[in-house]
C-alpha atoms as a PDB file:
ATOM      1  CA  MET A   1     172.618 145.875  29.520  1.00  0.00           C
ATOM      2  CA  LEU A   2     170.246 143.878  31.464  1.00  0.00           C
ATOM      3  CA  GLU A   3     167.344 145.629  33.244  1.00  0.00           C
ATOM      4  CA  LEU A   4     165.182 144.151  36.150  1.00  0.00           C
ATOM      5  CA  ILE A   5     161.773 145.685  36.990  1.00  0.00           C
ATOM      6  CA  LEU A   6     160.863 144.770  40.483  1.00  0.00           C
ATOM      7  CA  VAL A   7     157.168 144.915  41.179  1.00  0.00           C
ATOM      8  CA  ARG A   8     155.689 144.619  44.491  1.00  0.00           C
ATOM      9  CA  HIS A   9     152.265 143.026  44.621  1.00  0.00           C
ATOM     10  CA  GLY A  10     149.085 145.058  45.481  1.00  0.00           C
ATOM     11  CA  GLU A  11     147.624 145.444  48.858  1.00  0.00           C
ATOM     12  CA  THR A  12     146.136 142.395  50.844  1.00  0.00           C
ATOM     13  CA  ASP A  13     144.002 142.475  54.340  1.00  0.00           C
ATOM     14  CA  SER A  14     147.312 141.238  55.865  1.00  0.00           C
ATOM     15  CA  ASN A  15     149.117 144.328  54.681  1.00  0.00           C
ATOM     16  CA  ILE A  16     146.366 146.347  56.423  1.00  0.00           C
ATOM     17  CA  ARG A  17     146.698 144.417  59.590  1.00  0.00           C
ATOM     18  CA  GLY A  18     150.529 144.856  59.473  1.00  0.00           C
ATOM     19  CA  SER A  19     151.088 141.247  59.890  1.00  0.00           C
ATOM     20  CA  TYR A  20     154.199 139.366  58.762  1.00  0.00           C
ATOM     21  CA  LEU A  21     152.876 137.560  55.713  1.00  0.00           C
ATOM     22  CA  GLY A  22     154.889 134.878  54.284  1.00  0.00           C
ATOM     23  CA  TRP A  23     153.874 131.821  52.592  1.00  0.00           C
ATOM     24  CA  THR A  24     150.289 132.044  53.766  1.00  0.00           C
ATOM     25  CA  ASP A  25     148.420 132.369  50.369  1.00  0.00           C
ATOM     26  CA  ILE A  26     146.275 135.398  50.678  1.00  0.00           C
ATOM     27  CA  ALA A  27     144.935 137.090  47.496  1.00  0.00           C
ATOM     28  CA  LEU A  28     144.726 140.798  46.862  1.00  0.00           C
ATOM     29  CA  ASN A  29     142.041 142.730  48.241  1.00  0.00           C
ATOM     30  CA  GLU A  30     139.860 145.276  46.407  1.00  0.00           C
ATOM     31  CA  THR A  31     142.053 148.038  47.021  1.00  0.00           C
ATOM     32  CA  GLY A  32     144.990 145.998  45.724  1.00  0.00           C
ATOM     33  CA  ILE A  33     143.243 144.941  42.747  1.00  0.00           C
ATOM     34  CA  ARG A  34     142.464 148.895  41.924  1.00  0.00           C
ATOM     35  CA  GLN A  35     146.189 149.600  42.680  1.00  0.00           C
ATOM     36  CA  VAL A  36     147.558 147.007  40.443  1.00  0.00           C
ATOM     37  CA  GLN A  37     145.066 148.087  37.524  1.00  0.00           C
ATOM     38  CA  LEU A  38     146.657 151.525  37.905  1.00  0.00           C
ATOM     39  CA  LEU A  39     150.151 150.080  37.932  1.00  0.00           C
ATOM     40  CA  ARG A  40     149.224 148.265  34.639  1.00  0.00           C
ATOM     41  CA  ASP A  41     148.315 151.515  32.944  1.00  0.00           C
ATOM     42  CA  ARG A  42     151.522 153.343  34.306  1.00  0.00           C
ATOM     43  CA  LEU A  43     153.618 150.302  33.001  1.00  0.00           C
ATOM     44  CA  LYS A  44     152.085 150.475  29.474  1.00  0.00           C
ATOM     45  CA  GLY A  45     155.027 152.235  27.806  1.00  0.00           C
ATOM     46  CA  PHE A  46     157.739 149.754  29.454  1.00  0.00           C
ATOM     47  CA  LYS A  47     159.348 147.225  27.232  1.00  0.00           C
ATOM     48  CA  VAL A  48     159.320 143.864  29.097  1.00  0.00           C
ATOM     49  CA  ASP A  49     160.933 140.560  27.521  1.00  0.00           C
ATOM     50  CA  LYS A  50     159.880 138.129  30.195  1.00  0.00           C
ATOM     51  CA  ILE A  51     157.840 138.102  33.578  1.00  0.00           C
ATOM     52  CA  TYR A  52     158.931 135.983  36.510  1.00  0.00           C
ATOM     53  CA  ALA A  53     156.619 135.981  39.518  1.00  0.00           C
ATOM     54  CA  SER A  54     156.349 134.474  43.000  1.00  0.00           C
ATOM     55  CA  PRO A  55     153.754 131.546  42.925  1.00  0.00           C
ATOM     56  CA  LEU A  56     151.965 133.014  45.729  1.00  0.00           C
ATOM     57  CA  LYS A  57     148.385 134.368  45.003  1.00  0.00           C
ATOM     58  CA  ARG A  58     148.960 137.943  45.632  1.00  0.00           C
ATOM     59  CA  ALA A  59     152.088 138.225  43.472  1.00  0.00           C
ATOM     60  CA  LEU A  60     150.485 135.787  40.588  1.00  0.00           C
ATOM     61  CA  GLN A  61     147.373 138.055  40.525  1.00  0.00           C
ATOM     62  CA  THR A  62     149.462 141.234  40.370  1.00  0.00           C
ATOM     63  CA  ALA A  63     151.531 139.501  37.399  1.00  0.00           C
ATOM     64  CA  GLU A  64     148.383 138.614  35.522  1.00  0.00           C
ATOM     65  CA  ILE A  65     146.846 142.053  35.679  1.00  0.00           C
ATOM     66  CA  VAL A  66     150.220 143.705  34.596  1.00  0.00           C
ATOM     67  CA  ASN A  67     150.702 141.152  31.995  1.00  0.00           C
ATOM     68  CA  GLU A  68     147.551 142.240  30.226  1.00  0.00           C
ATOM     69  CA  ASN A  69     149.934 144.869  28.672  1.00  0.00           C
ATOM     70  CA  TYR A  70     152.311 142.361  27.290  1.00  0.00           C
ATOM     71  CA  GLY A  71     150.559 138.835  26.721  1.00  0.00           C
ATOM     72  CA  LEU A  72     153.620 136.956  27.907  1.00  0.00           C
ATOM     73  CA  ASP A  73     153.972 133.733  29.748  1.00  0.00           C
ATOM     74  CA  ILE A  74     154.290 134.228  33.308  1.00  0.00           C
ATOM     75  CA  VAL A  75     157.050 132.100  34.862  1.00  0.00           C
ATOM     76  CA  SER A  76     156.324 131.027  38.461  1.00  0.00           C
ATOM     77  CA  VAL A  77     159.511 130.744  40.453  1.00  0.00           C
ATOM     78  CA  ASP A  78     159.962 129.795  44.214  1.00  0.00           C
ATOM     79  CA  GLY A  79     162.901 131.959  44.468  1.00  0.00           C
ATOM     80  CA  LEU A  80     160.632 134.957  44.274  1.00  0.00           C
ATOM     81  CA  LYS A  81     158.493 133.787  47.209  1.00  0.00           C
ATOM     82  CA  GLU A  82     158.462 135.998  50.394  1.00  0.00           C
ATOM     83  CA  ARG A  83     160.250 134.685  53.582  1.00  0.00           C
ATOM     84  CA  ASN A  84     158.433 131.730  55.096  1.00  0.00           C
ATOM     85  CA  PHE A  85     157.765 133.154  58.503  1.00  0.00           C
ATOM     86  CA  GLY A  86     156.536 129.571  59.824  1.00  0.00           C
ATOM     87  CA  ILE A  87     154.524 129.585  63.167  1.00  0.00           C
ATOM     88  CA  TRP A  88     154.507 133.343  62.916  1.00  0.00           C
ATOM     89  CA  ASP A  89     153.185 133.586  59.248  1.00  0.00           C
ATOM     90  CA  ASP A  90     150.177 136.213  59.080  1.00  0.00           C
ATOM     91  CA  LEU A  91     150.804 137.250  62.877  1.00  0.00           C
ATOM     92  CA  THR A  92     151.445 140.688  63.979  1.00  0.00           C
ATOM     93  CA  ILE A  93     154.223 141.993  66.241  1.00  0.00           C
ATOM     94  CA  ASP A  94     151.828 142.016  69.181  1.00  0.00           C
ATOM     95  CA  GLU A  95     150.407 138.493  68.398  1.00  0.00           C
ATOM     96  CA  MET A  96     154.060 137.116  68.068  1.00  0.00           C
ATOM     97  CA  THR A  97     155.283 138.744  71.274  1.00  0.00           C
ATOM     98  CA  LYS A  98     152.332 137.458  73.274  1.00  0.00           C
ATOM     99  CA  ASP A  99     152.158 133.965  71.942  1.00  0.00           C
ATOM    100  CA  TYR A 100     155.838 133.350  71.239  1.00  0.00           C
ATOM    101  CA  PRO A 101     157.725 135.610  73.752  1.00  0.00           C
ATOM    102  CA  THR A 102     160.993 133.418  73.929  1.00  0.00           C
ATOM    103  CA  GLU A 103     161.251 132.780  70.297  1.00  0.00           C
ATOM    104  CA  TYR A 104     160.627 136.596  69.609  1.00  0.00           C
ATOM    105  CA  ASN A 105     163.417 137.516  71.863  1.00  0.00           C
ATOM    106  CA  ASP A 106     165.671 134.957  70.221  1.00  0.00           C
ATOM    107  CA  TRP A 107     164.706 136.370  66.867  1.00  0.00           C
ATOM    108  CA  VAL A 108     165.414 139.954  68.002  1.00  0.00           C
ATOM    109  CA  ASN A 109     169.060 138.874  69.230  1.00  0.00           C
ATOM    110  CA  ASP A 110     169.902 137.374  66.019  1.00  0.00           C
ATOM    111  CA  TRP A 111     167.362 138.231  63.341  1.00  0.00           C
ATOM    112  CA  ILE A 112     169.742 137.189  60.323  1.00  0.00           C
ATOM    113  CA  LYS A 113     170.283 133.495  61.256  1.00  0.00           C
ATOM    114  CA  TYR A 114     167.430 132.678  63.681  1.00  0.00           C
ATOM    115  CA  ARG A 115     165.110 130.106  61.972  1.00  0.00           C
ATOM    116  CA  ILE A 116     161.443 130.613  62.816  1.00  0.00           C
ATOM    117  CA  LYS A 117     159.931 126.955  63.538  1.00  0.00           C
ATOM    118  CA  ASP A 118     158.399 125.692  60.472  1.00  0.00           C
ATOM    119  CA  GLY A 119     159.898 128.661  58.458  1.00  0.00           C
ATOM    120  CA  GLU A 120     163.194 130.088  57.272  1.00  0.00           C
ATOM    121  CA  SER A 121     165.942 132.329  58.518  1.00  0.00           C
ATOM    122  CA  ALA A 122     166.257 135.621  56.916  1.00  0.00           C
ATOM    123  CA  LEU A 123     169.702 134.334  55.643  1.00  0.00           C
ATOM    124  CA  GLU A 124     167.948 131.334  53.995  1.00  0.00           C
ATOM    125  CA  ALA A 125     165.384 133.425  52.181  1.00  0.00           C
ATOM    126  CA  TYR A 126     168.229 135.911  51.364  1.00  0.00           C
ATOM    127  CA  GLU A 127     170.448 133.225  49.786  1.00  0.00           C
ATOM    128  CA  ARG A 128     167.416 131.545  48.057  1.00  0.00           C
ATOM    129  CA  THR A 129     166.646 134.760  46.301  1.00  0.00           C
ATOM    130  CA  ALA A 130     170.095 135.723  45.673  1.00  0.00           C
ATOM    131  CA  ALA A 131     170.540 132.209  43.922  1.00  0.00           C
ATOM    132  CA  PHE A 132     167.581 132.976  41.654  1.00  0.00           C
ATOM    133  CA  VAL A 133     168.857 136.359  40.678  1.00  0.00           C
ATOM    134  CA  ASP A 134     172.354 135.237  40.187  1.00  0.00           C
ATOM    135  CA  GLU A 135     171.309 132.588  37.827  1.00  0.00           C
ATOM    136  CA  LEU A 136     168.985 134.967  35.805  1.00  0.00           C
ATOM    137  CA  ILE A 137     172.020 137.363  35.342  1.00  0.00           C
ATOM    138  CA  LYS A 138     174.398 134.553  34.394  1.00  0.00           C
ATOM    139  CA  ARG A 139     171.989 133.369  31.665  1.00  0.00           C
ATOM    140  CA  ASN A 140     171.130 136.894  30.181  1.00  0.00           C
ATOM    141  CA  ASP A 141     173.579 139.710  29.152  1.00  0.00           C
ATOM    142  CA  ASP A 142     170.802 141.797  28.179  1.00  0.00           C
ATOM    143  CA  GLY A 143     166.974 142.203  28.034  1.00  0.00           C
ATOM    144  CA  VAL A 144     164.089 143.519  30.460  1.00  0.00           C
ATOM    145  CA  PHE A 145     162.978 141.201  32.931  1.00  0.00           C
ATOM    146  CA  MET A 146     160.122 141.934  35.330  1.00  0.00           C
ATOM    147  CA  LEU A 147     160.065 140.130  38.669  1.00  0.00           C
ATOM    148  CA  VAL A 148     156.750 140.416  40.467  1.00  0.00           C
ATOM    149  CA  THR A 149     157.387 139.638  44.184  1.00  0.00           C
ATOM    150  CA  HIS A 150     157.098 140.669  47.711  1.00  0.00           C
ATOM    151  CA  LEU A 151     158.420 143.439  50.031  1.00  0.00           C
ATOM    152  CA  GLY A 152     161.171 141.246  51.906  1.00  0.00           C
ATOM    153  CA  THR A 153     162.255 139.629  48.481  1.00  0.00           C
ATOM    154  CA  ILE A 154     162.686 143.063  46.782  1.00  0.00           C
ATOM    155  CA  ARG A 155     164.704 144.366  49.873  1.00  0.00           C
ATOM    156  CA  PHE A 156     166.918 141.308  49.705  1.00  0.00           C
ATOM    157  CA  ILE A 157     167.445 141.592  45.809  1.00  0.00           C
ATOM    158  CA  LEU A 158     168.345 145.296  46.267  1.00  0.00           C
ATOM    159  CA  ALA A 159     170.903 144.639  49.158  1.00  0.00           C
ATOM    160  CA  HIS A 160     172.429 141.662  47.150  1.00  0.00           C
ATOM    161  CA  LEU A 161     172.735 143.352  43.892  1.00  0.00           C
ATOM    162  CA  LEU A 162     174.048 146.752  45.422  1.00  0.00           C
ATOM    163  CA  ASP A 163     176.476 144.661  47.614  1.00  0.00           C
ATOM    164  CA  LEU A 164     175.084 146.012  50.770  1.00  0.00           C
ATOM    165  CA  GLY A 165     174.628 142.778  52.547  1.00  0.00           C
ATOM    166  CA  ILE A 166     171.615 141.286  54.032  1.00  0.00           C
ATOM    167  CA  GLU A 167     172.132 143.458  57.228  1.00  0.00           C
ATOM    168  CA  ASN A 168     171.284 146.546  55.124  1.00  0.00           C
ATOM    169  CA  SER A 169     168.053 145.137  53.378  1.00  0.00           C
ATOM    170  CA  TRP A 170     165.903 147.223  55.872  1.00  0.00           C
ATOM    171  CA  ARG A 171     167.028 150.308  54.322  1.00  0.00           C
ATOM    172  CA  PHE A 172     164.411 150.132  51.528  1.00  0.00           C
ATOM    173  CA  ARG A 173     160.909 151.380  51.445  1.00  0.00           C
ATOM    174  CA  VAL A 174     158.917 149.447  48.818  1.00  0.00           C
ATOM    175  CA  ASN A 175     155.164 150.045  49.118  1.00  0.00           C
ATOM    176  CA  ASN A 176     152.311 147.994  47.551  1.00  0.00           C
ATOM    177  CA  ALA A 177     151.986 148.029  43.730  1.00  0.00           C
ATOM    178  CA  THR A 178     155.213 150.058  42.998  1.00  0.00           C
ATOM    179  CA  ILE A 179     158.037 149.856  40.648  1.00  0.00           C
ATOM    180  CA  THR A 180     161.749 149.593  41.439  1.00  0.00           C
ATOM    181  CA  LYS A 181     164.580 149.389  38.640  1.00  0.00           C
ATOM    182  CA  ILE A 182     168.116 148.040  38.624  1.00  0.00           C
ATOM    183  CA  GLU A 183     170.320 148.133  35.461  1.00  0.00           C
ATOM    184  CA  ILE A 184     173.209 145.672  35.333  1.00  0.00           C
ATOM    185  CA  ASN A 185     176.024 146.254  33.031  1.00  0.00           C
ATOM    186  CA  ASP A 186     179.092 143.802  32.942  1.00  0.00           C
ATOM    187  CA  GLY A 187     177.884 142.668  36.605  1.00  0.00           C
ATOM    188  CA  TYR A 188     177.723 146.214  37.952  1.00  0.00           C
ATOM    189  CA  SER A 189     174.321 147.127  39.209  1.00  0.00           C
ATOM    190  CA  VAL A 190     172.795 150.541  39.435  1.00  0.00           C
ATOM    191  CA  LEU A 191     169.492 151.471  41.212  1.00  0.00           C
ATOM    192  CA  THR A 192     167.628 153.706  38.682  1.00  0.00           C
ATOM    193  CA  MET A 193     164.076 153.764  40.282  1.00  0.00           C
ATOM    194  CA  LEU A 194     162.850 152.962  43.772  1.00  0.00           C
ATOM    195  CA  ASN A 195     159.435 152.660  45.230  1.00  0.00           C
ATOM    196  CA  ASN A 196     157.979 154.511  42.223  1.00  0.00           C
END
């Protein structure tokens, strides 16, 4: 059996602002570091064979703190990056609607396929994430793999592995510095823990 432990990074100042933070490379704030230290302590009893992380600072920082339990090599993977929000990156909804009203309406009308200027569509980000996860599953029949990543990425992984489709990726709440687990047996995925 294969088990994925999905870890969302700790809090950033952008999370407090409620902005759409994608590839803008912001580190954890003090609260985020404390959250991840508590998470590290909660994870002490968990067996982990390998750790993969998004290369963005907030995820790598989270992985490094959690890895104090394991002393493993952290593998940095672009497939685990958050969606690239392009010209909207690190903007709030209010800022997006004020500065880019036409683009925002286009996005609302087709949030799955609309590609933000200089960024990605939701579908492109979903497919990028799904490709990484599918390859990981193909190469491993068993083991415990920790994926340290982002809200949107975890939602996409869950929607993909549970056969819900991208349109249902919004149905999951995943707070900062929480654990979500999926077991995969013979290609069948079961959600065993969410937002813990």
